[in-house]
Each structure stands twice: as C-alpha cells, then as structure tokens.
C-alpha atoms as a PDB file:
ATOM      1  CA  MET A   1     133.284  87.004 182.170  1.00  0.00           C
ATOM      2  CA  SER A   2     131.823  90.262 183.290  1.00  0.00           C
ATOM      3  CA  SER A   3     128.739  91.813 184.827  1.00  0.00           C
ATOM      4  CA  ILE A   4     126.284  94.152 183.138  1.00  0.00           C
ATOM      5  CA  ALA A   5     127.153  96.771 185.792  1.00  0.00           C
ATOM      6  CA  ARG A   6     130.821  96.555 184.757  1.00  0.00           C
ATOM      7  CA  ILE A   7     129.827  97.053 181.131  1.00  0.00           C
ATOM      8  CA  GLN A   8     127.777 100.090 182.186  1.00  0.00           C
ATOM      9  CA  GLU A   9     130.823 101.548 183.960  1.00  0.00           C
ATOM     10  CA  GLY A  10     132.878 101.125 180.798  1.00  0.00           C
ATOM     11  CA  VAL A  11     130.238 102.825 178.666  1.00  0.00           C
ATOM     12  CA  THR A  12     129.806 105.790 181.006  1.00  0.00           C
ATOM     13  CA  ALA A  13     133.596 106.272 181.034  1.00  0.00           C
ATOM     14  CA  CYS A  14     133.821 106.262 177.220  1.00  0.00           C
ATOM     15  CA  PRO A  15     135.217 109.661 176.087  1.00  0.00           C
ATOM     16  CA  ALA A  16     132.936 109.640 173.030  1.00  0.00           C
ATOM     17  CA  LEU A  17     129.915 109.723 175.370  1.00  0.00           C
ATOM     18  CA  ALA A  18     130.848 113.148 176.754  1.00  0.00           C
ATOM     19  CA  ASP A  19     131.311 114.371 173.190  1.00  0.00           C
ATOM     20  CA  LYS A  20     127.880 112.997 172.177  1.00  0.00           C
ATOM     21  CA  ASP A  21     129.676 111.154 169.363  1.00  0.00           C
ATOM     22  CA  ILE A  22     127.129 108.529 168.370  1.00  0.00           C
ATOM     23  CA  ALA A  23     129.493 106.676 166.019  1.00  0.00           C
ATOM     24  CA  GLY A  24     132.216 106.485 168.664  1.00  0.00           C
ATOM     25  CA  VAL A  25     129.860 105.384 171.434  1.00  0.00           C
ATOM     26  CA  PHE A  26     128.079 102.771 169.321  1.00  0.00           C
ATOM     27  CA  ASP A  27     131.431 101.409 168.103  1.00  0.00           C
ATOM     28  CA  PHE A  28     132.723 101.163 171.686  1.00  0.00           C
ATOM     29  CA  PHE A  29     129.506  99.452 172.837  1.00  0.00           C
ATOM     30  CA  ILE A  30     129.624  96.913 170.008  1.00  0.00           C
ATOM     31  CA  ARG A  31     133.293  96.146 170.694  1.00  0.00           C
ATOM     32  CA  LEU A  32     132.388  95.496 174.352  1.00  0.00           C
ATOM     33  CA  TYR A  33     129.667  93.118 173.180  1.00  0.00           C
ATOM     34  CA  VAL A  34     132.198  91.159 171.137  1.00  0.00           C
ATOM     35  CA  SER A  35     134.901  91.076 173.819  1.00  0.00           C
ATOM     36  CA  GLU A  36     132.951  90.837 177.103  1.00  0.00           C
ATOM     37  CA  ARG A  37     130.569  87.997 177.897  1.00  0.00           C
ATOM     38  CA  ILE A  38     128.140  88.508 180.769  1.00  0.00           C
ATOM     39  CA  ASP A  39     128.200  86.051 183.700  1.00  0.00           C
ATOM     40  CA  GLN A  40     125.373  83.514 183.851  1.00  0.00           C
ATOM     41  CA  THR A  41     124.047  84.158 180.342  1.00  0.00           C
ATOM     42  CA  ASN A  42     123.708  81.691 177.479  1.00  0.00           C
ATOM     43  CA  ILE A  43     124.204  83.283 174.097  1.00  0.00           C
ATOM     44  CA  GLU A  44     122.710  80.231 172.346  1.00  0.00           C
ATOM     45  CA  GLU A  45     119.441  80.868 174.224  1.00  0.00           C
ATOM     46  CA  ASP A  46     119.282  84.594 173.317  1.00  0.00           C
ATOM     47  CA  GLY A  47     120.683  85.463 176.723  1.00  0.00           C
ATOM     48  CA  ASP A  48     122.954  88.276 175.480  1.00  0.00           C
ATOM     49  CA  MET A  49     121.860  90.308 172.456  1.00  0.00           C
ATOM     50  CA  LEU A  50     122.162  93.760 170.899  1.00  0.00           C
ATOM     51  CA  LEU A  51     119.250  95.848 169.669  1.00  0.00           C
ATOM     52  CA  TYR A  52     119.543  98.954 167.496  1.00  0.00           C
ATOM     53  CA  GLN A  53     116.325 100.954 167.254  1.00  0.00           C
ATOM     54  CA  TRP A  54     115.163 104.343 166.044  1.00  0.00           C
ATOM     55  CA  SER A  55     111.988 106.410 166.138  1.00  0.00           C
ATOM     56  CA  ARG A  56     110.518 109.881 165.683  1.00  0.00           C
ATOM     57  CA  GLN A  57     108.527 111.160 168.631  1.00  0.00           C
ATOM     58  CA  GLY A  58     107.119 114.568 169.457  1.00  0.00           C
ATOM     59  CA  GLY A  59     109.627 116.822 167.708  1.00  0.00           C
ATOM     60  CA  HIS A  60     112.706 114.671 168.136  1.00  0.00           C
ATOM     61  CA  VAL A  61     114.460 111.629 166.706  1.00  0.00           C
ATOM     62  CA  GLU A  62     115.830 108.917 168.995  1.00  0.00           C
ATOM     63  CA  LEU A  63     118.472 106.326 168.203  1.00  0.00           C
ATOM     64  CA  ASP A  64     119.161 103.650 170.763  1.00  0.00           C
ATOM     65  CA  LEU A  65     121.625 100.806 171.136  1.00  0.00           C
ATOM     66  CA  THR A  66     120.710  98.287 173.816  1.00  0.00           C
ATOM     67  CA  ARG A  67     122.388  95.220 175.255  1.00  0.00           C
ATOM     68  CA  GLN A  68     119.705  92.880 176.518  1.00  0.00           C
ATOM     69  CA  ILE A  69     120.599  90.012 178.813  1.00  0.00           C
ATOM     70  CA  MET A  70     118.667  87.221 180.431  1.00  0.00           C
ATOM     71  CA  LEU A  71     120.236  84.952 183.021  1.00  0.00           C
ATOM     72  CA  ASP A  72     120.546  81.253 182.206  1.00  0.00           C
ATOM     73  CA  LEU A  73     118.371  79.861 184.991  1.00  0.00           C
ATOM     74  CA  GLU A  74     116.563  76.516 185.212  1.00  0.00           C
ATOM     75  CA  ASP A  75     113.183  78.105 185.924  1.00  0.00           C
ATOM     76  CA  PRO A  76     111.966  79.834 182.725  1.00  0.00           C
ATOM     77  CA  ASP A  77     109.863  82.321 184.720  1.00  0.00           C
ATOM     78  CA  GLU A  78     112.852  83.331 186.831  1.00  0.00           C
ATOM     79  CA  ALA A  79     114.967  83.634 183.676  1.00  0.00           C
ATOM     80  CA  ALA A  80     112.358  85.907 182.080  1.00  0.00           C
ATOM     81  CA  ASP A  81     112.184  87.972 185.274  1.00  0.00           C
ATOM     82  CA  SER A  82     115.968  88.474 185.110  1.00  0.00           C
ATOM     83  CA  MET A  83     115.804  90.285 181.743  1.00  0.00           C
ATOM     84  CA  THR A  84     117.905  93.456 181.932  1.00  0.00           C
ATOM     85  CA  GLN A  85     118.680  96.137 179.356  1.00  0.00           C
ATOM     86  CA  LEU A  86     121.657  98.468 179.226  1.00  0.00           C
ATOM     87  CA  SER A  87     120.675 101.209 176.778  1.00  0.00           C
ATOM     88  CA  ILE A  88     122.385 104.200 175.224  1.00  0.00           C
ATOM     89  CA  LYS A  89     119.792 106.584 173.831  1.00  0.00           C
ATOM     90  CA  PHE A  90     120.697 109.566 171.658  1.00  0.00           C
ATOM     91  CA  ARG A  91     118.054 112.244 171.170  1.00  0.00           C
ATOM     92  CA  PHE A  92     118.161 114.713 168.278  1.00  0.00           C
ATOM     93  CA  ALA A  93     116.015 117.766 167.609  1.00  0.00           C
ATOM     94  CA  GLU A  94     113.819 117.266 164.589  1.00  0.00           C
ATOM     95  CA  THR A  95     114.941 119.678 161.887  1.00  0.00           C
ATOM     96  CA  ALA A  96     114.053 120.226 158.242  1.00  0.00           C
ATOM     97  CA  ASP A  97     116.885 117.937 157.110  1.00  0.00           C
ATOM     98  CA  VAL A  98     115.683 114.912 159.103  1.00  0.00           C
ATOM     99  CA  PRO A  99     115.105 112.067 156.668  1.00  0.00           C
ATOM    100  CA  SER A 100     111.784 110.279 156.687  1.00  0.00           C
ATOM    101  CA  VAL A 101     112.806 107.442 158.969  1.00  0.00           C
ATOM    102  CA  GLY A 102     109.716 106.298 160.835  1.00  0.00           C
ATOM    103  CA  SER A 103     110.708 103.667 163.361  1.00  0.00           C
ATOM    104  CA  GLY A 104     112.446 100.335 163.227  1.00  0.00           C
ATOM    105  CA  ASN A 105     114.917  97.976 164.816  1.00  0.00           C
ATOM    106  CA  VAL A 106     117.663  95.467 164.102  1.00  0.00           C
ATOM    107  CA  TRP A 107     118.678  92.607 166.432  1.00  0.00           C
ATOM    108  CA  CYS A 108     122.047  90.897 166.844  1.00  0.00           C
ATOM    109  CA  SER A 109     121.824  87.627 168.745  1.00  0.00           C
ATOM    110  CA  SER A 110     125.510  86.668 168.896  1.00  0.00           C
ATOM    111  CA  PRO A 111     129.027  87.977 168.304  1.00  0.00           C
ATOM    112  CA  ALA A 112     129.103  85.844 165.136  1.00  0.00           C
ATOM    113  CA  GLU A 113     126.449  88.189 163.685  1.00  0.00           C
ATOM    114  CA  VAL A 114     128.222  91.451 164.579  1.00  0.00           C
ATOM    115  CA  ALA A 115     129.711  92.128 161.133  1.00  0.00           C
ATOM    116  CA  ALA A 116     126.279  91.932 159.456  1.00  0.00           C
ATOM    117  CA  PHE A 117     124.690  93.905 162.321  1.00  0.00           C
ATOM    118  CA  ARG A 118     127.330  96.639 162.084  1.00  0.00           C
ATOM    119  CA  ALA A 119     126.907  96.837 158.294  1.00  0.00           C
ATOM    120  CA  GLU A 120     123.145  97.244 158.687  1.00  0.00           C
ATOM    121  CA  LEU A 121     123.645  99.895 161.376  1.00  0.00           C
ATOM    122  CA  ASP A 122     126.226 101.812 159.337  1.00  0.00           C
ATOM    123  CA  ASP A 123     124.025 101.737 156.239  1.00  0.00           C
ATOM    124  CA  SER A 124     120.826 102.762 158.015  1.00  0.00           C
ATOM    125  CA  VAL A 125     119.399 106.157 157.051  1.00  0.00           C
ATOM    126  CA  PRO A 126     118.875 107.286 160.680  1.00  0.00           C
ATOM    127  CA  PHE A 127     122.452 106.462 161.714  1.00  0.00           C
ATOM    128  CA  THR A 128     123.948 108.042 158.585  1.00  0.00           C
ATOM    129  CA  TRP A 129     122.011 111.229 159.356  1.00  0.00           C
ATOM    130  CA  ALA A 130     122.802 111.169 163.111  1.00  0.00           C
ATOM    131  CA  ARG A 131     126.560 110.983 162.495  1.00  0.00           C
ATOM    132  CA  GLN A 132     126.343 114.383 160.791  1.00  0.00           C
ATOM    133  CA  VAL A 133     124.425 116.317 163.470  1.00  0.00           C
ATOM    134  CA  VAL A 134     124.935 117.116 167.138  1.00  0.00           C
ATOM    135  CA  ALA A 135     122.735 115.233 169.592  1.00  0.00           C
ATOM    136  CA  ALA A 136     120.550 117.283 171.906  1.00  0.00           C
ATOM    137  CA  GLY A 137     121.134 114.695 174.604  1.00  0.00           C
ATOM    138  CA  VAL A 138     122.403 111.228 175.413  1.00  0.00           C
ATOM    139  CA  ARG A 139     121.394 108.958 178.247  1.00  0.00           C
ATOM    140  CA  VAL A 140     122.705 105.622 179.545  1.00  0.00           C
ATOM    141  CA  THR A 141     120.228 103.511 181.502  1.00  0.00           C
ATOM    142  CA  LEU A 142     120.244 100.093 183.118  1.00  0.00           C
ATOM    143  CA  ASP A 143     116.747  98.686 183.587  1.00  0.00           C
ATOM    144  CA  ARG A 144     115.374  95.387 184.740  1.00  0.00           C
ATOM    145  CA  LEU A 145     112.288  94.578 182.718  1.00  0.00           C
END
C-alpha cells in the first residue's frame, strides 16, 4: 500500500516528465496505478480511479491524466470530503495542425479495466496528435476537492 503523496513523488521524479514526453509520463502513471494501491481506499467503491481528459481553451490544447482517490470511511460525507486528485496536465500551443478535438474524457475505475482504458487513450485523436508535438508546459498538481 502507498500514499498519494508517495505516488506524486514518483511522478515528479519520472525522467519523461522533464522531457515533456506525454507518452512516457502517461505510461509511467498508468503503471503506478496498476502496481500501487493507495492506503484506505476501496477500489470496488470507486475509491481509486484514473481519468483521461482533453480540451481546447483560449489558444491551447490541454491533455490531463488524473488519479482520483476517495478514502473508504464510514461517514459518506467525510468520504466525499476526502476526495483528492493527482493530475498531470500537458498544455500545447494551438497550431494549424491541431485536429478538431473539442473536449472529452475517459474513466478507468479499476486495474482490471486498464487494458481497455489504455487502448482508448492510445487511439484517441488528441493523444495521437500530442505524441507528435512538443508540449509548451507540463504541470503536476495534488488537490483536495
């Protein structure tokens, strides 16, 4: 078992992050999801999930991979208040070759779903495009919702 802070440390130390290599960072993050369970979460109750999302906003394209956790507590309000997201957000300048992507998201609610999630990620138009261009920036954040 692990903590979300420990996962964050692993992500920030990933060499692909410094290189702004979206494929390498996303692969590393997904492998951590498969191999590292978070303390006090219940995967059967959506307590540890992945979210891939993309959008176009004000002259840039953003692709984000988030690990969302919620502690397995008896009080549902306290559990909801414990919701935390570790996100890796890549930002790309909008150029003429940006495909028409709009916005969207894909959820993965358990390690058993990772193969299908990864296939959907790899086949997505935004991710296919992003692997071929250099990101303007990348940011790792840990937020309690």
